[in-house]
Amino acid sequence: MKALATIYRPETFDEICGQSSIVKILERQLETNKIKNCYLFCGPSGTGKTTIGRALAKRINNGKGSPIEIDAASNNSVENVRNIIAEAQTRAIDAEYKVFIIDECHVLSNAAWQAFLKTLEEPPEKTIFMFCTTNPEKVPVTIQNRVMKFNLSKVPTEQIKKRLEYICAKEGFKDYNESCDYIAK
């Protein structure tokens, strides 16, 4: 059985809670076709960094294909980054853009970031990098200067509670208001 967190994870901008200003900016970029080649999503755990990256990738590619998600905590060496760069040089087969979501990017080694630098300055056509981090201060300034950075804030308790109540109602749970209030806090 799948976890409820997986089943009800937001997939579209409309479902994302607490980051309306960021969603508006990204929607405007999509409307005006001014998509950036590199994004940096920063914020505490649970604020939606990876979720926003996935939703953006889905919109960029009109629902086709899937982003390539890489956990930098397990793939943080310069050799791992060279493999990503090599893969970025090829076109996506199942979508217009090849999108890489690099989670926990703050753990990349300095050499790995240096390997990324040239690719971020001159990205392959139709390739987009999305970096997600809880520690933006560990991302080199040379990288931060080459990305579009978004600082996500904690989701307000009331919005968390509303989302929990929505899930409970969908699942047919009974007498859940007090529990949702407790969990949200």
C-alpha atoms as a PDB file:
ATOM      1  CA  MET A   1       0.000   0.000   0.000  1.00  0.00           C
ATOM      2  CA  LYS A   2       1.280   3.441  -0.914  1.00  0.00           C
ATOM      3  CA  ALA A   3       1.796   6.047   1.780  1.00  0.00           C
ATOM      4  CA  LEU A   4      -0.779   8.845   1.854  1.00  0.00           C
ATOM      5  CA  ALA A   5       2.072  11.362   1.500  1.00  0.00           C
ATOM      6  CA  THR A   6       2.931   9.786  -1.847  1.00  0.00           C
ATOM      7  CA  ILE A   7      -0.663   9.460  -3.033  1.00  0.00           C
ATOM      8  CA  TYR A   8      -1.553  13.073  -2.204  1.00  0.00           C
ATOM      9  CA  ARG A   9       1.743  14.766  -3.061  1.00  0.00           C
ATOM     10  CA  PRO A  10       0.880  17.827  -5.168  1.00  0.00           C
ATOM     11  CA  GLU A  11       1.500  17.342  -8.883  1.00  0.00           C
ATOM     12  CA  THR A  12       0.372  20.702 -10.260  1.00  0.00           C
ATOM     13  CA  PHE A  13       0.883  24.334  -9.316  1.00  0.00           C
ATOM     14  CA  ASP A  14      -2.791  24.523  -8.266  1.00  0.00           C
ATOM     15  CA  GLU A  15      -2.217  21.878  -5.581  1.00  0.00           C
ATOM     16  CA  ILE A  16       0.902  23.461  -4.055  1.00  0.00           C
ATOM     17  CA  CYS A  17       0.348  25.060  -0.647  1.00  0.00           C
ATOM     18  CA  GLY A  18       1.976  28.156   0.787  1.00  0.00           C
ATOM     19  CA  GLN A  19       4.210  29.220  -2.117  1.00  0.00           C
ATOM     20  CA  SER A  20       1.795  31.318  -4.160  1.00  0.00           C
ATOM     21  CA  SER A  21       4.240  34.101  -5.065  1.00  0.00           C
ATOM     22  CA  ILE A  22       6.789  31.607  -6.404  1.00  0.00           C
ATOM     23  CA  VAL A  23       4.098  29.740  -8.325  1.00  0.00           C
ATOM     24  CA  LYS A  24       2.914  33.035  -9.873  1.00  0.00           C
ATOM     25  CA  ILE A  25       6.432  33.890 -11.046  1.00  0.00           C
ATOM     26  CA  LEU A  26       6.921  30.441 -12.573  1.00  0.00           C
ATOM     27  CA  GLU A  27       3.501  30.549 -14.257  1.00  0.00           C
ATOM     28  CA  ARG A  28       4.375  33.942 -15.725  1.00  0.00           C
ATOM     29  CA  GLN A  29       7.626  32.555 -17.106  1.00  0.00           C
ATOM     30  CA  LEU A  30       5.687  29.730 -18.737  1.00  0.00           C
ATOM     31  CA  GLU A  31       3.088  32.136 -20.184  1.00  0.00           C
ATOM     32  CA  THR A  32       5.766  34.381 -21.673  1.00  0.00           C
ATOM     33  CA  ASN A  33       7.974  31.446 -22.696  1.00  0.00           C
ATOM     34  CA  LYS A  34      10.869  32.860 -20.656  1.00  0.00           C
ATOM     35  CA  ILE A  35      11.896  29.630 -18.983  1.00  0.00           C
ATOM     36  CA  LYS A  36      15.288  29.745 -17.300  1.00  0.00           C
ATOM     37  CA  ASN A  37      17.909  27.053 -17.762  1.00  0.00           C
ATOM     38  CA  CYS A  38      18.714  26.792 -14.073  1.00  0.00           C
ATOM     39  CA  TYR A  39      16.710  27.199 -10.869  1.00  0.00           C
ATOM     40  CA  LEU A  40      17.675  27.003  -7.199  1.00  0.00           C
ATOM     41  CA  PHE A  41      14.860  26.181  -4.766  1.00  0.00           C
ATOM     42  CA  CYS A  42      15.868  26.876  -1.147  1.00  0.00           C
ATOM     43  CA  GLY A  43      13.957  26.338   2.073  1.00  0.00           C
ATOM     44  CA  PRO A  44      13.327  24.195   5.116  1.00  0.00           C
ATOM     45  CA  SER A  45      12.321  20.544   4.769  1.00  0.00           C
ATOM     46  CA  GLY A  46       8.727  20.047   3.708  1.00  0.00           C
ATOM     47  CA  THR A  47       8.250  23.401   1.985  1.00  0.00           C
ATOM     48  CA  GLY A  48       7.840  21.929  -1.503  1.00  0.00           C
ATOM     49  CA  LYS A  49      11.189  22.410  -3.212  1.00  0.00           C
ATOM     50  CA  THR A  50      11.232  19.114  -5.088  1.00  0.00           C
ATOM     51  CA  THR A  51       7.462  19.198  -5.584  1.00  0.00           C
ATOM     52  CA  ILE A  52       7.666  22.613  -7.263  1.00  0.00           C
ATOM     53  CA  GLY A  53      10.512  21.313  -9.423  1.00  0.00           C
ATOM     54  CA  ARG A  54       8.419  18.330 -10.514  1.00  0.00           C
ATOM     55  CA  ALA A  55       5.353  20.487 -11.207  1.00  0.00           C
ATOM     56  CA  LEU A  56       7.453  22.947 -13.216  1.00  0.00           C
ATOM     57  CA  ALA A  57       9.053  20.124 -15.219  1.00  0.00           C
ATOM     58  CA  LYS A  58       5.611  18.705 -15.939  1.00  0.00           C
ATOM     59  CA  ARG A  59       4.330  22.071 -17.187  1.00  0.00           C
ATOM     60  CA  ILE A  60       7.455  22.785 -19.240  1.00  0.00           C
ATOM     61  CA  ASN A  61       7.054  19.469 -21.053  1.00  0.00           C
ATOM     62  CA  ASN A  62       3.243  19.545 -21.284  1.00  0.00           C
ATOM     63  CA  GLY A  63       2.940  16.430 -19.114  1.00  0.00           C
ATOM     64  CA  LYS A  64       5.297  14.355 -21.257  1.00  0.00           C
ATOM     65  CA  GLY A  65       8.327  12.525 -19.932  1.00  0.00           C
ATOM     66  CA  SER A  66       9.656  12.682 -16.407  1.00  0.00           C
ATOM     67  CA  PRO A  67      12.416  14.752 -14.862  1.00  0.00           C
ATOM     68  CA  ILE A  68      15.660  13.001 -14.015  1.00  0.00           C
ATOM     69  CA  GLU A  69      15.872  13.148 -10.228  1.00  0.00           C
ATOM     70  CA  ILE A  70      19.261  12.836  -8.597  1.00  0.00           C
ATOM     71  CA  ASP A  71      19.933  12.644  -4.883  1.00  0.00           C
ATOM     72  CA  ALA A  72      23.147  14.630  -4.453  1.00  0.00           C
ATOM     73  CA  ALA A  73      23.628  13.144  -0.985  1.00  0.00           C
ATOM     74  CA  SER A  74      24.436   9.837  -2.718  1.00  0.00           C
ATOM     75  CA  ASN A  75      25.879  11.279  -5.946  1.00  0.00           C
ATOM     76  CA  ASN A  76      28.071  14.189  -4.866  1.00  0.00           C
ATOM     77  CA  SER A  77      31.418  13.498  -6.502  1.00  0.00           C
ATOM     78  CA  VAL A  78      32.933  15.236  -9.487  1.00  0.00           C
ATOM     79  CA  GLU A  79      32.598  11.958 -11.420  1.00  0.00           C
ATOM     80  CA  ASN A  80      28.840  11.875 -10.724  1.00  0.00           C
ATOM     81  CA  VAL A  81      28.516  15.455 -11.981  1.00  0.00           C
ATOM     82  CA  ARG A  82      30.545  14.661 -15.106  1.00  0.00           C
ATOM     83  CA  ASN A  83      28.071  11.848 -15.828  1.00  0.00           C
ATOM     84  CA  ILE A  84      25.165  14.295 -15.404  1.00  0.00           C
ATOM     85  CA  ILE A  85      26.867  16.789 -17.726  1.00  0.00           C
ATOM     86  CA  ALA A  86      27.453  14.078 -20.340  1.00  0.00           C
ATOM     87  CA  GLU A  87      23.804  13.021 -20.120  1.00  0.00           C
ATOM     88  CA  ALA A  88      22.714  16.666 -20.424  1.00  0.00           C
ATOM     89  CA  GLN A  89      24.410  16.852 -23.829  1.00  0.00           C
ATOM     90  CA  THR A  90      21.857  14.463 -25.334  1.00  0.00           C
ATOM     91  CA  ARG A  91      18.299  15.422 -26.190  1.00  0.00           C
ATOM     92  CA  ALA A  92      15.279  14.122 -24.334  1.00  0.00           C
ATOM     93  CA  ILE A  93      13.538  11.315 -26.178  1.00  0.00           C
ATOM     94  CA  ASP A  94      10.084  11.533 -24.598  1.00  0.00           C
ATOM     95  CA  ALA A  95       9.755  15.305 -24.059  1.00  0.00           C
ATOM     96  CA  GLU A  96      10.877  18.648 -25.436  1.00  0.00           C
ATOM     97  CA  TYR A  97      13.181  19.463 -22.510  1.00  0.00           C
ATOM     98  CA  LYS A  98      15.522  17.285 -20.493  1.00  0.00           C
ATOM     99  CA  VAL A  99      15.021  18.347 -16.881  1.00  0.00           C
ATOM    100  CA  PHE A 100      17.362  17.425 -14.033  1.00  0.00           C
ATOM    101  CA  ILE A 101      16.205  17.852 -10.425  1.00  0.00           C
ATOM    102  CA  ILE A 102      19.194  17.671  -8.115  1.00  0.00           C
ATOM    103  CA  ASP A 103      17.993  17.281  -4.552  1.00  0.00           C
ATOM    104  CA  GLU A 104      20.159  18.107  -1.510  1.00  0.00           C
ATOM    105  CA  CYS A 105      22.567  19.926  -3.836  1.00  0.00           C
ATOM    106  CA  HIS A 106      24.354  21.573  -0.896  1.00  0.00           C
ATOM    107  CA  VAL A 107      26.298  18.337  -0.344  1.00  0.00           C
ATOM    108  CA  LEU A 108      27.983  18.447  -3.752  1.00  0.00           C
ATOM    109  CA  SER A 109      31.738  18.685  -3.408  1.00  0.00           C
ATOM    110  CA  ASN A 110      33.530  21.867  -4.441  1.00  0.00           C
ATOM    111  CA  ALA A 111      35.077  20.007  -7.371  1.00  0.00           C
ATOM    112  CA  ALA A 112      31.595  18.845  -8.420  1.00  0.00           C
ATOM    113  CA  TRP A 113      30.312  22.435  -8.381  1.00  0.00           C
ATOM    114  CA  GLN A 114      33.331  23.542 -10.418  1.00  0.00           C
ATOM    115  CA  ALA A 115      32.527  20.851 -12.971  1.00  0.00           C
ATOM    116  CA  PHE A 116      28.967  22.209 -13.203  1.00  0.00           C
ATOM    117  CA  LEU A 117      30.067  25.817 -13.660  1.00  0.00           C
ATOM    118  CA  LYS A 118      30.800  25.770 -17.408  1.00  0.00           C
ATOM    119  CA  THR A 119      27.620  23.822 -18.151  1.00  0.00           C
ATOM    120  CA  LEU A 120      25.521  26.329 -16.210  1.00  0.00           C
ATOM    121  CA  GLU A 121      27.158  29.238 -18.023  1.00  0.00           C
ATOM    122  CA  GLU A 122      26.539  27.657 -21.436  1.00  0.00           C
ATOM    123  CA  PRO A 123      23.784  25.091 -20.937  1.00  0.00           C
ATOM    124  CA  PRO A 124      22.892  22.581 -23.614  1.00  0.00           C
ATOM    125  CA  GLU A 125      19.837  23.605 -25.590  1.00  0.00           C
ATOM    126  CA  LYS A 126      16.560  22.236 -24.190  1.00  0.00           C
ATOM    127  CA  THR A 127      18.182  21.236 -20.872  1.00  0.00           C
ATOM    128  CA  ILE A 128      17.066  22.611 -17.509  1.00  0.00           C
ATOM    129  CA  PHE A 129      18.681  22.110 -14.121  1.00  0.00           C
ATOM    130  CA  MET A 130      16.722  22.475 -10.886  1.00  0.00           C
ATOM    131  CA  PHE A 131      18.708  22.435  -7.666  1.00  0.00           C
ATOM    132  CA  CYS A 132      16.963  21.935  -4.310  1.00  0.00           C
ATOM    133  CA  THR A 133      18.579  22.653  -0.957  1.00  0.00           C
ATOM    134  CA  THR A 134      17.901  23.235   2.708  1.00  0.00           C
ATOM    135  CA  ASN A 135      21.319  24.935   3.040  1.00  0.00           C
ATOM    136  CA  PRO A 136      21.747  27.573   0.321  1.00  0.00           C
ATOM    137  CA  GLU A 137      24.748  29.058   2.138  1.00  0.00           C
ATOM    138  CA  LYS A 138      26.675  25.899   1.123  1.00  0.00           C
ATOM    139  CA  VAL A 139      26.026  26.521  -2.577  1.00  0.00           C
ATOM    140  CA  PRO A 140      28.980  28.465  -4.025  1.00  0.00           C
ATOM    141  CA  VAL A 141      28.323  32.113  -4.867  1.00  0.00           C
ATOM    142  CA  THR A 142      29.592  31.473  -8.409  1.00  0.00           C
ATOM    143  CA  ILE A 143      26.693  29.047  -8.852  1.00  0.00           C
ATOM    144  CA  GLN A 144      24.104  31.244  -7.102  1.00  0.00           C
ATOM    145  CA  ASN A 145      24.970  34.052  -9.522  1.00  0.00           C
ATOM    146  CA  ARG A 146      24.028  31.847 -12.476  1.00  0.00           C
ATOM    147  CA  VAL A 147      20.660  30.516 -11.326  1.00  0.00           C
ATOM    148  CA  MET A 148      17.203  31.861 -10.658  1.00  0.00           C
ATOM    149  CA  LYS A 149      16.908  31.514  -6.898  1.00  0.00           C
ATOM    150  CA  PHE A 150      13.675  31.046  -4.982  1.00  0.00           C
ATOM    151  CA  ASN A 151      13.449  31.063  -1.193  1.00  0.00           C
ATOM    152  CA  LEU A 152      10.520  28.947  -0.056  1.00  0.00           C
ATOM    153  CA  SER A 153       8.955  29.678   3.303  1.00  0.00           C
ATOM    154  CA  LYS A 154       7.364  27.338   5.807  1.00  0.00           C
ATOM    155  CA  VAL A 155       3.802  26.477   4.899  1.00  0.00           C
ATOM    156  CA  PRO A 156       1.346  28.185   7.284  1.00  0.00           C
ATOM    157  CA  THR A 157      -0.228  25.842   9.839  1.00  0.00           C
ATOM    158  CA  GLU A 158      -3.743  26.662   8.651  1.00  0.00           C
ATOM    159  CA  GLN A 159      -2.907  25.616   5.078  1.00  0.00           C
ATOM    160  CA  ILE A 160      -1.369  22.367   6.319  1.00  0.00           C
ATOM    161  CA  LYS A 161      -4.512  21.696   8.340  1.00  0.00           C
ATOM    162  CA  LYS A 162      -6.762  22.339   5.326  1.00  0.00           C
ATOM    163  CA  ARG A 163      -4.682  19.945   3.206  1.00  0.00           C
ATOM    164  CA  LEU A 164      -4.849  17.271   5.920  1.00  0.00           C
ATOM    165  CA  GLU A 165      -8.626  17.706   6.217  1.00  0.00           C
ATOM    166  CA  TYR A 166      -8.938  17.369   2.437  1.00  0.00           C
ATOM    167  CA  ILE A 167      -6.957  14.103   2.502  1.00  0.00           C
ATOM    168  CA  CYS A 168      -8.957  12.745   5.448  1.00  0.00           C
ATOM    169  CA  ALA A 169     -12.228  13.529   3.689  1.00  0.00           C
ATOM    170  CA  LYS A 170     -11.005  11.855   0.459  1.00  0.00           C
ATOM    171  CA  GLU A 171      -9.969   8.777   2.438  1.00  0.00           C
ATOM    172  CA  GLY A 172     -13.310   8.602   4.254  1.00  0.00           C
ATOM    173  CA  PHE A 173     -11.872   9.091   7.736  1.00  0.00           C
ATOM    174  CA  LYS A 174     -14.199  10.142  10.559  1.00  0.00           C
ATOM    175  CA  ASP A 175     -13.681  12.624  13.428  1.00  0.00           C
ATOM    176  CA  TYR A 176     -10.345  13.910  12.183  1.00  0.00           C
ATOM    177  CA  ASN A 177     -10.501  17.666  12.926  1.00  0.00           C
ATOM    178  CA  GLU A 178      -8.675  17.484  16.242  1.00  0.00           C
ATOM    179  CA  SER A 179      -6.014  15.159  14.803  1.00  0.00           C
ATOM    180  CA  CYS A 180      -5.441  17.417  11.789  1.00  0.00           C
ATOM    181  CA  ASP A 181      -5.067  20.391  14.086  1.00  0.00           C
ATOM    182  CA  TYR A 182      -2.477  18.522  16.188  1.00  0.00           C
ATOM    183  CA  ILE A 183      -0.488  17.211  13.193  1.00  0.00           C
ATOM    184  CA  ALA A 184      -0.478  20.607  11.461  1.00  0.00           C
ATOM    185  CA  LYS A 185       1.009  22.250  14.536  1.00  0.00           C
END
